[in-house]
Amino acid sequence: MMITALAIASILTLAFFIGLAIARRAKKRWARVTIRVGAVIFTILLFGIIPGLFEADLMTIELAGRYLFYLMIGAALLYKFFLVRFIPLPEKDTET
C-alpha cells in the first residue's frame, strides 16, 4: 500500500514539475501561463487516472494525497535551489 501510494505521488509530482520546467523555457508570457495552467490541470487529471490504473483502494489514494503534499514541498525546494540553475531563462530580444 505504501509503495503504491508513493509511486502515485511521485508520478504526479514529476508531471507537475516537468510542466513547470517546460514553461520556464517558453519565450512568450502567454505561453508560459498556458503551460503552467496546463500542468496543474494535467496533474489533477492524472490524480484521477493513475489510481485507477494501479487499482488502488481508497486508503491508498488517501495516503498518496499525503505523500503528494510532502513531495510537492520537497520538489519545490529542489526546483528552486538546483534546477533553476540548470534551466536558464530564455534570452530577451533587445532590438525593439
PDB file of N, CA and C in Angstrom:
ATOM      1  N   MET A   1       0.821  -1.186   0.000  1.00  0.00           N
ATOM      2  CA  MET A   1       0.000   0.000   0.000  1.00  0.00           C
ATOM      3  C   MET A   1       0.868   1.254   0.000  1.00  0.00           C
ATOM      4  N   MET A   2       1.925   1.259   0.803  1.00  0.00           N
ATOM      5  CA  MET A   2       2.781   2.444   0.886  1.00  0.00           C
ATOM      6  C   MET A   2       3.569   2.641  -0.403  1.00  0.00           C
ATOM      7  N   ILE A   3       4.034   1.562  -0.990  1.00  0.00           N
ATOM      8  CA  ILE A   3       4.805   1.659  -2.227  1.00  0.00           C
ATOM      9  C   ILE A   3       3.915   2.170  -3.361  1.00  0.00           C
ATOM     10  N   THR A   4       2.700   1.680  -3.434  1.00  0.00           N
ATOM     11  CA  THR A   4       1.771   2.131  -4.467  1.00  0.00           C
ATOM     12  C   THR A   4       1.444   3.612  -4.300  1.00  0.00           C
ATOM     13  N   ALA A   5       1.207   4.036  -3.058  1.00  0.00           N
ATOM     14  CA  ALA A   5       0.901   5.446  -2.789  1.00  0.00           C
ATOM     15  C   ALA A   5       2.098   6.328  -3.131  1.00  0.00           C
ATOM     16  N   LEU A   6       3.279   5.874  -2.800  1.00  0.00           N
ATOM     17  CA  LEU A   6       4.480   6.645  -3.119  1.00  0.00           C
ATOM     18  C   LEU A   6       4.699   6.721  -4.624  1.00  0.00           C
ATOM     19  N   ALA A   7       4.401   5.649  -5.336  1.00  0.00           N
ATOM     20  CA  ALA A   7       4.530   5.667  -6.796  1.00  0.00           C
ATOM     21  C   ALA A   7       3.529   6.648  -7.421  1.00  0.00           C
ATOM     22  N   ILE A   8       2.299   6.644  -6.924  1.00  0.00           N
ATOM     23  CA  ILE A   8       1.286   7.574  -7.441  1.00  0.00           C
ATOM     24  C   ILE A   8       1.710   9.014  -7.195  1.00  0.00           C
ATOM     25  N   ALA A   9       2.134   9.308  -5.971  1.00  0.00           N
ATOM     26  CA  ALA A   9       2.545  10.671  -5.628  1.00  0.00           C
ATOM     27  C   ALA A   9       3.780  11.097  -6.416  1.00  0.00           C
ATOM     28  N   SER A  10       4.703  10.193  -6.650  1.00  0.00           N
ATOM     29  CA  SER A  10       5.912  10.522  -7.408  1.00  0.00           C
ATOM     30  C   SER A  10       5.585  10.843  -8.866  1.00  0.00           C
ATOM     31  N   ILE A  11       4.709  10.062  -9.469  1.00  0.00           N
ATOM     32  CA  ILE A  11       4.316  10.312 -10.859  1.00  0.00           C
ATOM     33  C   ILE A  11       3.649  11.673 -10.986  1.00  0.00           C
ATOM     34  N   LEU A  12       2.766  12.000 -10.052  1.00  0.00           N
ATOM     35  CA  LEU A  12       2.069  13.283 -10.106  1.00  0.00           C
ATOM     36  C   LEU A  12       3.026  14.447  -9.891  1.00  0.00           C
ATOM     37  N   THR A  13       3.959  14.294  -8.966  1.00  0.00           N
ATOM     38  CA  THR A  13       4.933  15.359  -8.707  1.00  0.00           C
ATOM     39  C   THR A  13       5.826  15.579  -9.919  1.00  0.00           C
ATOM     40  N   LEU A  14       6.287  14.499 -10.522  1.00  0.00           N
ATOM     41  CA  LEU A  14       7.127  14.633 -11.713  1.00  0.00           C
ATOM     42  C   LEU A  14       6.371  15.286 -12.862  1.00  0.00           C
ATOM     43  N   ALA A  15       5.122  14.908 -13.058  1.00  0.00           N
ATOM     44  CA  ALA A  15       4.336  15.506 -14.138  1.00  0.00           C
ATOM     45  C   ALA A  15       4.179  17.007 -13.929  1.00  0.00           C
ATOM     46  N   PHE A  16       3.927  17.415 -12.701  1.00  0.00           N
ATOM     47  CA  PHE A  16       3.737  18.835 -12.411  1.00  0.00           C
ATOM     48  C   PHE A  16       5.022  19.632 -12.643  1.00  0.00           C
ATOM     49  N   PHE A  17       6.140  19.152 -12.108  1.00  0.00           N
ATOM     50  CA  PHE A  17       7.369  19.924 -12.218  1.00  0.00           C
ATOM     51  C   PHE A  17       8.012  19.842 -13.597  1.00  0.00           C
ATOM     52  N   ILE A  18       7.731  18.806 -14.355  1.00  0.00           N
ATOM     53  CA  ILE A  18       8.167  18.778 -15.755  1.00  0.00           C
ATOM     54  C   ILE A  18       7.418  19.846 -16.538  1.00  0.00           C
ATOM     55  N   GLY A  19       6.134  20.015 -16.233  1.00  0.00           N
ATOM     56  CA  GLY A  19       5.366  21.091 -16.861  1.00  0.00           C
ATOM     57  C   GLY A  19       5.920  22.464 -16.525  1.00  0.00           C
ATOM     58  N   LEU A  20       6.331  22.665 -15.274  1.00  0.00           N
ATOM     59  CA  LEU A  20       6.921  23.946 -14.891  1.00  0.00           C
ATOM     60  C   LEU A  20       8.266  24.172 -15.585  1.00  0.00           C
ATOM     61  N   ALA A  21       9.045  23.112 -15.738  1.00  0.00           N
ATOM     62  CA  ALA A  21      10.332  23.247 -16.417  1.00  0.00           C
ATOM     63  C   ALA A  21      10.139  23.583 -17.895  1.00  0.00           C
ATOM     64  N   ILE A  22       9.143  22.995 -18.511  1.00  0.00           N
ATOM     65  CA  ILE A  22       8.855  23.314 -19.911  1.00  0.00           C
ATOM     66  C   ILE A  22       8.367  24.755 -20.034  1.00  0.00           C
ATOM     67  N   ALA A  23       7.547  25.185 -19.090  1.00  0.00           N
ATOM     68  CA  ALA A  23       7.042  26.565 -19.122  1.00  0.00           C
ATOM     69  C   ALA A  23       8.168  27.571 -18.938  1.00  0.00           C
ATOM     70  N   ARG A  24       9.175  27.210 -18.200  1.00  0.00           N
ATOM     71  CA  ARG A  24      10.305  28.120 -17.980  1.00  0.00           C
ATOM     72  C   ARG A  24      11.061  28.392 -19.275  1.00  0.00           C
ATOM     73  N   ARG A  25      11.050  27.448 -20.196  1.00  0.00           N
ATOM     74  CA  ARG A  25      11.767  27.611 -21.454  1.00  0.00           C
ATOM     75  C   ARG A  25      10.983  28.406 -22.497  1.00  0.00           C
ATOM     76  N   ALA A  26       9.696  28.615 -22.278  1.00  0.00           N
ATOM     77  CA  ALA A  26       8.872  29.344 -23.250  1.00  0.00           C
ATOM     78  C   ALA A  26       9.268  30.813 -23.274  1.00  0.00           C
ATOM     79  N   LYS A  27       9.211  31.413 -24.452  1.00  0.00           N
ATOM     80  CA  LYS A  27       9.645  32.803 -24.604  1.00  0.00           C
ATOM     81  C   LYS A  27       8.525  33.804 -24.376  1.00  0.00           C
ATOM     82  N   LYS A  28       7.320  33.455 -24.762  1.00  0.00           N
ATOM     83  CA  LYS A  28       6.210  34.397 -24.630  1.00  0.00           C
ATOM     84  C   LYS A  28       5.489  34.187 -23.308  1.00  0.00           C
ATOM     85  N   ARG A  29       5.018  35.294 -22.760  1.00  0.00           N
ATOM     86  CA  ARG A  29       4.371  35.258 -21.447  1.00  0.00           C
ATOM     87  C   ARG A  29       3.094  34.419 -21.476  1.00  0.00           C
ATOM     88  N   TRP A  30       2.281  34.578 -22.505  1.00  0.00           N
ATOM     89  CA  TRP A  30       1.031  33.826 -22.567  1.00  0.00           C
ATOM     90  C   TRP A  30       1.288  32.337 -22.695  1.00  0.00           C
ATOM     91  N   ALA A  31       2.385  31.965 -23.353  1.00  0.00           N
ATOM     92  CA  ALA A  31       2.725  30.540 -23.483  1.00  0.00           C
ATOM     93  C   ALA A  31       3.133  29.968 -22.126  1.00  0.00           C
ATOM     94  N   ARG A  32       3.899  30.745 -21.361  1.00  0.00           N
ATOM     95  CA  ARG A  32       4.297  30.280 -20.028  1.00  0.00           C
ATOM     96  C   ARG A  32       3.082  30.069 -19.134  1.00  0.00           C
ATOM     97  N   VAL A  33       2.165  31.024 -19.165  1.00  0.00           N
ATOM     98  CA  VAL A  33       0.961  30.912 -18.330  1.00  0.00           C
ATOM     99  C   VAL A  33       0.112  29.720 -18.764  1.00  0.00           C
ATOM    100  N   THR A  34      -0.046  29.551 -20.049  1.00  0.00           N
ATOM    101  CA  THR A  34      -0.843  28.443 -20.570  1.00  0.00           C
ATOM    102  C   THR A  34      -0.241  27.096 -20.195  1.00  0.00           C
ATOM    103  N   ILE A  35       1.068  26.974 -20.301  1.00  0.00           N
ATOM    104  CA  ILE A  35       1.723  25.707 -19.965  1.00  0.00           C
ATOM    105  C   ILE A  35       1.631  25.437 -18.473  1.00  0.00           C
ATOM    106  N   ARG A  36       1.757  26.454 -17.642  1.00  0.00           N
ATOM    107  CA  ARG A  36       1.646  26.251 -16.186  1.00  0.00           C
ATOM    108  C   ARG A  36       0.241  25.833 -15.788  1.00  0.00           C
ATOM    109  N   VAL A  37      -0.759  26.481 -16.367  1.00  0.00           N
ATOM    110  CA  VAL A  37      -2.146  26.089 -16.081  1.00  0.00           C
ATOM    111  C   VAL A  37      -2.396  24.672 -16.588  1.00  0.00           C
ATOM    112  N   GLY A  38      -1.844  24.355 -17.745  1.00  0.00           N
ATOM    113  CA  GLY A  38      -1.970  23.007 -18.282  1.00  0.00           C
ATOM    114  C   GLY A  38      -1.308  21.968 -17.395  1.00  0.00           C
ATOM    115  N   ALA A  39      -0.187  22.324 -16.781  1.00  0.00           N
ATOM    116  CA  ALA A  39       0.491  21.392 -15.872  1.00  0.00           C
ATOM    117  C   ALA A  39      -0.368  21.110 -14.647  1.00  0.00           C
ATOM    118  N   VAL A  40      -1.029  22.131 -14.136  1.00  0.00           N
ATOM    119  CA  VAL A  40      -1.912  21.936 -12.979  1.00  0.00           C
ATOM    120  C   VAL A  40      -3.105  21.063 -13.355  1.00  0.00           C
ATOM    121  N   ILE A  41      -3.726  21.362 -14.485  1.00  0.00           N
ATOM    122  CA  ILE A  41      -4.890  20.577 -14.927  1.00  0.00           C
ATOM    123  C   ILE A  41      -4.474  19.137 -15.231  1.00  0.00           C
ATOM    124  N   PHE A  42      -3.321  18.952 -15.853  1.00  0.00           N
ATOM    125  CA  PHE A  42      -2.827  17.610 -16.163  1.00  0.00           C
ATOM    126  C   PHE A  42      -2.551  16.815 -14.893  1.00  0.00           C
ATOM    127  N   THR A  43      -2.010  17.471 -13.866  1.00  0.00           N
ATOM    128  CA  THR A  43      -1.747  16.794 -12.600  1.00  0.00           C
ATOM    129  C   THR A  43      -3.052  16.368 -11.934  1.00  0.00           C
ATOM    130  N   ILE A  44      -4.044  17.246 -11.950  1.00  0.00           N
ATOM    131  CA  ILE A  44      -5.350  16.893 -11.367  1.00  0.00           C
ATOM    132  C   ILE A  44      -5.985  15.745 -12.151  1.00  0.00           C
ATOM    133  N   LEU A  45      -5.864  15.788 -13.464  1.00  0.00           N
ATOM    134  CA  LEU A  45      -6.393  14.718 -14.306  1.00  0.00           C
ATOM    135  C   LEU A  45      -5.700  13.387 -14.011  1.00  0.00           C
ATOM    136  N   LEU A  46      -4.379  13.435 -13.864  1.00  0.00           N
ATOM    137  CA  LEU A  46      -3.642  12.212 -13.544  1.00  0.00           C
ATOM    138  C   LEU A  46      -4.005  11.664 -12.169  1.00  0.00           C
ATOM    139  N   PHE A  47      -4.360  12.556 -11.240  1.00  0.00           N
ATOM    140  CA  PHE A  47      -4.745  12.085  -9.911  1.00  0.00           C
ATOM    141  C   PHE A  47      -6.038  11.269  -9.969  1.00  0.00           C
ATOM    142  N   GLY A  48      -6.813  11.443 -11.005  1.00  0.00           N
ATOM    143  CA  GLY A  48      -7.990  10.619 -11.189  1.00  0.00           C
ATOM    144  C   GLY A  48      -7.726   9.352 -11.987  1.00  0.00           C
ATOM    145  N   ILE A  49      -6.706   9.389 -12.861  1.00  0.00           N
ATOM    146  CA  ILE A  49      -6.450   8.260 -13.755  1.00  0.00           C
ATOM    147  C   ILE A  49      -5.469   7.243 -13.160  1.00  0.00           C
ATOM    148  N   ILE A  50      -4.368   7.722 -12.605  1.00  0.00           N
ATOM    149  CA  ILE A  50      -3.302   6.830 -12.139  1.00  0.00           C
ATOM    150  C   ILE A  50      -3.784   5.845 -11.063  1.00  0.00           C
ATOM    151  N   PRO A  51      -4.538   6.275 -10.034  1.00  0.00           N
ATOM    152  CA  PRO A  51      -5.012   5.276  -9.057  1.00  0.00           C
ATOM    153  C   PRO A  51      -5.894   4.203  -9.689  1.00  0.00           C
ATOM    154  N   GLY A  52      -6.628   4.575 -10.718  1.00  0.00           N
ATOM    155  CA  GLY A  52      -7.437   3.577 -11.415  1.00  0.00           C
ATOM    156  C   GLY A  52      -6.589   2.561 -12.156  1.00  0.00           C
ATOM    157  N   LEU A  53      -5.480   3.034 -12.729  1.00  0.00           N
ATOM    158  CA  LEU A  53      -4.581   2.107 -13.424  1.00  0.00           C
ATOM    159  C   LEU A  53      -3.886   1.157 -12.452  1.00  0.00           C
ATOM    160  N   PHE A  54      -3.584   1.660 -11.249  1.00  0.00           N
ATOM    161  CA  PHE A  54      -2.948   0.820 -10.232  1.00  0.00           C
ATOM    162  C   PHE A  54      -3.962  -0.010  -9.445  1.00  0.00           C
ATOM    163  N   GLU A  55      -5.255   0.211  -9.704  1.00  0.00           N
ATOM    164  CA  GLU A  55      -6.338  -0.450  -8.981  1.00  0.00           C
ATOM    165  C   GLU A  55      -6.163  -0.278  -7.475  1.00  0.00           C
ATOM    166  N   ALA A  56      -5.936   0.965  -7.069  1.00  0.00           N
ATOM    167  CA  ALA A  56      -5.693   1.285  -5.669  1.00  0.00           C
ATOM    168  C   ALA A  56      -7.014   1.474  -4.933  1.00  0.00           C
ATOM    169  N   ASP A  57      -7.016   1.093  -3.652  1.00  0.00           N
ATOM    170  CA  ASP A  57      -8.213   1.316  -2.853  1.00  0.00           C
ATOM    171  C   ASP A  57      -8.184   2.726  -2.260  1.00  0.00           C
ATOM    172  N   LEU A  58      -9.240   3.071  -1.542  1.00  0.00           N
ATOM    173  CA  LEU A  58      -9.405   4.429  -1.042  1.00  0.00           C
ATOM    174  C   LEU A  58      -8.324   4.813  -0.032  1.00  0.00           C
ATOM    175  N   MET A  59      -7.904   3.880   0.801  1.00  0.00           N
ATOM    176  CA  MET A  59      -6.847   4.164   1.796  1.00  0.00           C
ATOM    177  C   MET A  59      -5.526   4.489   1.100  1.00  0.00           C
ATOM    178  N   THR A  60      -5.230   3.792   0.031  1.00  0.00           N
ATOM    179  CA  THR A  60      -4.002   4.037  -0.716  1.00  0.00           C
ATOM    180  C   THR A  60      -4.037   5.402  -1.381  1.00  0.00           C
ATOM    181  N   ILE A  61      -5.187   5.783  -1.915  1.00  0.00           N
ATOM    182  CA  ILE A  61      -5.320   7.087  -2.565  1.00  0.00           C
ATOM    183  C   ILE A  61      -5.194   8.212  -1.543  1.00  0.00           C
ATOM    184  N   GLU A  62      -5.768   7.991  -0.348  1.00  0.00           N
ATOM    185  CA  GLU A  62      -5.632   8.989   0.717  1.00  0.00           C
ATOM    186  C   GLU A  62      -4.174   9.138   1.131  1.00  0.00           C
ATOM    187  N   LEU A  63      -3.474   8.045   1.252  1.00  0.00           N
ATOM    188  CA  LEU A  63      -2.054   8.081   1.601  1.00  0.00           C
ATOM    189  C   LEU A  63      -1.244   8.731   0.480  1.00  0.00           C
ATOM    190  N   ALA A  64      -1.630   8.500  -0.765  1.00  0.00           N
ATOM    191  CA  ALA A  64      -0.953   9.140  -1.898  1.00  0.00           C
ATOM    192  C   ALA A  64      -1.136  10.647  -1.863  1.00  0.00           C
ATOM    193  N   GLY A  65      -2.294  11.107  -1.438  1.00  0.00           N
ATOM    194  CA  GLY A  65      -2.522  12.543  -1.295  1.00  0.00           C
ATOM    195  C   GLY A  65      -1.615  13.164  -0.253  1.00  0.00           C
ATOM    196  N   ARG A  66      -1.431  12.461   0.860  1.00  0.00           N
ATOM    197  CA  ARG A  66      -0.499  12.957   1.883  1.00  0.00           C
ATOM    198  C   ARG A  66       0.929  12.990   1.353  1.00  0.00           C
ATOM    199  N   TYR A  67       1.316  11.905   0.709  1.00  0.00           N
ATOM    200  CA  TYR A  67       2.664  11.863   0.146  1.00  0.00           C
ATOM    201  C   TYR A  67       2.857  12.948  -0.908  1.00  0.00           C
ATOM    202  N   LEU A  68       1.818  13.192  -1.705  1.00  0.00           N
ATOM    203  CA  LEU A  68       1.905  14.218  -2.742  1.00  0.00           C
ATOM    204  C   LEU A  68       2.161  15.589  -2.127  1.00  0.00           C
ATOM    205  N   PHE A  69       1.507  15.890  -1.026  1.00  0.00           N
ATOM    206  CA  PHE A  69       1.704  17.166  -0.349  1.00  0.00           C
ATOM    207  C   PHE A  69       3.170  17.347   0.042  1.00  0.00           C
ATOM    208  N   TYR A  70       3.745  16.352   0.676  1.00  0.00           N
ATOM    209  CA  TYR A  70       5.136  16.468   1.122  1.00  0.00           C
ATOM    210  C   TYR A  70       6.120  16.420  -0.041  1.00  0.00           C
ATOM    211  N   LEU A  71       5.827  15.634  -1.054  1.00  0.00           N
ATOM    212  CA  LEU A  71       6.699  15.585  -2.227  1.00  0.00           C
ATOM    213  C   LEU A  71       6.684  16.906  -2.990  1.00  0.00           C
ATOM    214  N   MET A  72       5.526  17.555  -3.044  1.00  0.00           N
ATOM    215  CA  MET A  72       5.447  18.862  -3.716  1.00  0.00           C
ATOM    216  C   MET A  72       6.287  19.902  -2.980  1.00  0.00           C
ATOM    217  N   ILE A  73       6.239  19.890  -1.661  1.00  0.00           N
ATOM    218  CA  ILE A  73       7.054  20.831  -0.887  1.00  0.00           C
ATOM    219  C   ILE A  73       8.537  20.552  -1.116  1.00  0.00           C
ATOM    220  N   GLY A  74       8.936  19.293  -1.030  1.00  0.00           N
ATOM    221  CA  GLY A  74      10.343  18.940  -1.244  1.00  0.00           C
ATOM    222  C   GLY A  74      10.808  19.219  -2.662  1.00  0.00           C
ATOM    223  N   ALA A  75       9.958  18.906  -3.622  1.00  0.00           N
ATOM    224  CA  ALA A  75      10.325  19.143  -5.019  1.00  0.00           C
ATOM    225  C   ALA A  75      10.388  20.636  -5.332  1.00  0.00           C
ATOM    226  N   ALA A  76       9.553  21.434  -4.680  1.00  0.00           N
ATOM    227  CA  ALA A  76       9.614  22.882  -4.895  1.00  0.00           C
ATOM    228  C   ALA A  76      10.945  23.438  -4.392  1.00  0.00           C
ATOM    229  N   LEU A  77      11.418  22.933  -3.264  1.00  0.00           N
ATOM    230  CA  LEU A  77      12.727  23.370  -2.761  1.00  0.00           C
ATOM    231  C   LEU A  77      13.847  22.952  -3.700  1.00  0.00           C
ATOM    232  N   LEU A  78      13.796  21.721  -4.183  1.00  0.00           N
ATOM    233  CA  LEU A  78      14.812  21.263  -5.133  1.00  0.00           C
ATOM    234  C   LEU A  78      14.752  22.063  -6.434  1.00  0.00           C
ATOM    235  N   TYR A  79      13.545  22.327  -6.916  1.00  0.00           N
ATOM    236  CA  TYR A  79      13.372  23.101  -8.143  1.00  0.00           C
ATOM    237  C   TYR A  79      13.941  24.497  -7.973  1.00  0.00           C
ATOM    238  N   LYS A  80      13.676  25.113  -6.853  1.00  0.00           N
ATOM    239  CA  LYS A  80      14.119  26.480  -6.620  1.00  0.00           C
ATOM    240  C   LYS A  80      15.640  26.552  -6.486  1.00  0.00           C
ATOM    241  N   PHE A  81      16.222  25.651  -5.733  1.00  0.00           N
ATOM    242  CA  PHE A  81      17.643  25.755  -5.433  1.00  0.00           C
ATOM    243  C   PHE A  81      18.561  25.159  -6.496  1.00  0.00           C
ATOM    244  N   PHE A  82      18.137  24.088  -7.154  1.00  0.00           N
ATOM    245  CA  PHE A  82      19.043  23.403  -8.068  1.00  0.00           C
ATOM    246  C   PHE A  82      18.658  23.519  -9.534  1.00  0.00           C
ATOM    247  N   LEU A  83      17.417  23.210  -9.857  1.00  0.00           N
ATOM    248  CA  LEU A  83      17.034  23.148 -11.263  1.00  0.00           C
ATOM    249  C   LEU A  83      16.985  24.506 -11.936  1.00  0.00           C
ATOM    250  N   VAL A  84      16.754  25.559 -11.179  1.00  0.00           N
ATOM    251  CA  VAL A  84      16.725  26.890 -11.779  1.00  0.00           C
ATOM    252  C   VAL A  84      18.093  27.239 -12.356  1.00  0.00           C
ATOM    253  N   ARG A  85      19.120  26.706 -11.778  1.00  0.00           N
ATOM    254  CA  ARG A  85      20.472  26.945 -12.300  1.00  0.00           C
ATOM    255  C   ARG A  85      20.702  26.221 -13.619  1.00  0.00           C
ATOM    256  N   PHE A  86      20.094  25.056 -13.782  1.00  0.00           N
ATOM    257  CA  PHE A  86      20.324  24.255 -14.977  1.00  0.00           C
ATOM    258  C   PHE A  86      19.325  24.523 -16.089  1.00  0.00           C
ATOM    259  N   ILE A  87      18.231  25.212 -15.780  1.00  0.00           N
ATOM    260  CA  ILE A  87      17.238  25.558 -16.794  1.00  0.00           C
ATOM    261  C   ILE A  87      17.238  27.077 -16.905  1.00  0.00           C
ATOM    262  N   PRO A  88      18.082  27.632 -17.739  1.00  0.00           N
ATOM    263  CA  PRO A  88      18.186  29.093 -17.802  1.00  0.00           C
ATOM    264  C   PRO A  88      16.951  29.714 -18.440  1.00  0.00           C
ATOM    265  N   LEU A  89      16.737  30.960 -18.109  1.00  0.00           N
ATOM    266  CA  LEU A  89      15.639  31.698 -18.727  1.00  0.00           C
ATOM    267  C   LEU A  89      15.980  31.994 -20.177  1.00  0.00           C
ATOM    268  N   PRO A  90      14.990  32.077 -21.058  1.00  0.00           N
ATOM    269  CA  PRO A  90      15.288  32.379 -22.471  1.00  0.00           C
ATOM    270  C   PRO A  90      15.824  33.806 -22.617  1.00  0.00           C
ATOM    271  N   GLU A  91      16.615  33.972 -23.652  1.00  0.00           N
ATOM    272  CA  GLU A  91      17.198  35.289 -23.939  1.00  0.00           C
ATOM    273  C   GLU A  91      16.104  36.248 -24.372  1.00  0.00           C
ATOM    274  N   LYS A  92      16.218  37.502 -23.933  1.00  0.00           N
ATOM    275  CA  LYS A  92      15.255  38.514 -24.336  1.00  0.00           C
ATOM    276  C   LYS A  92      15.838  39.315 -25.503  1.00  0.00           C
ATOM    277  N   ASP A  93      14.986  39.594 -26.466  1.00  0.00           N
ATOM    278  CA  ASP A  93      15.406  40.399 -27.619  1.00  0.00           C
ATOM    279  C   ASP A  93      15.371  41.873 -27.228  1.00  0.00           C
ATOM    280  N   THR A  94      16.478  42.571 -27.402  1.00  0.00           N
ATOM    281  CA  THR A  94      16.545  43.991 -27.043  1.00  0.00           C
ATOM    282  C   THR A  94      16.437  44.895 -28.266  1.00  0.00           C
ATOM    283  N   GLU A  95      16.188  44.323 -29.431  1.00  0.00           N
ATOM    284  CA  GLU A  95      16.118  45.086 -30.669  1.00  0.00           C
ATOM    285  C   GLU A  95      14.689  45.524 -30.990  1.00  0.00           C
ATOM    286  N   THR A  96      14.032  46.229 -30.109  1.00  0.00           N
ATOM    287  CA  THR A  96      12.674  46.693 -30.404  1.00  0.00           C
ATOM    288  C   THR A  96      12.607  48.196 -30.379  1.00  0.00           C
TER     289      THR A  96
END
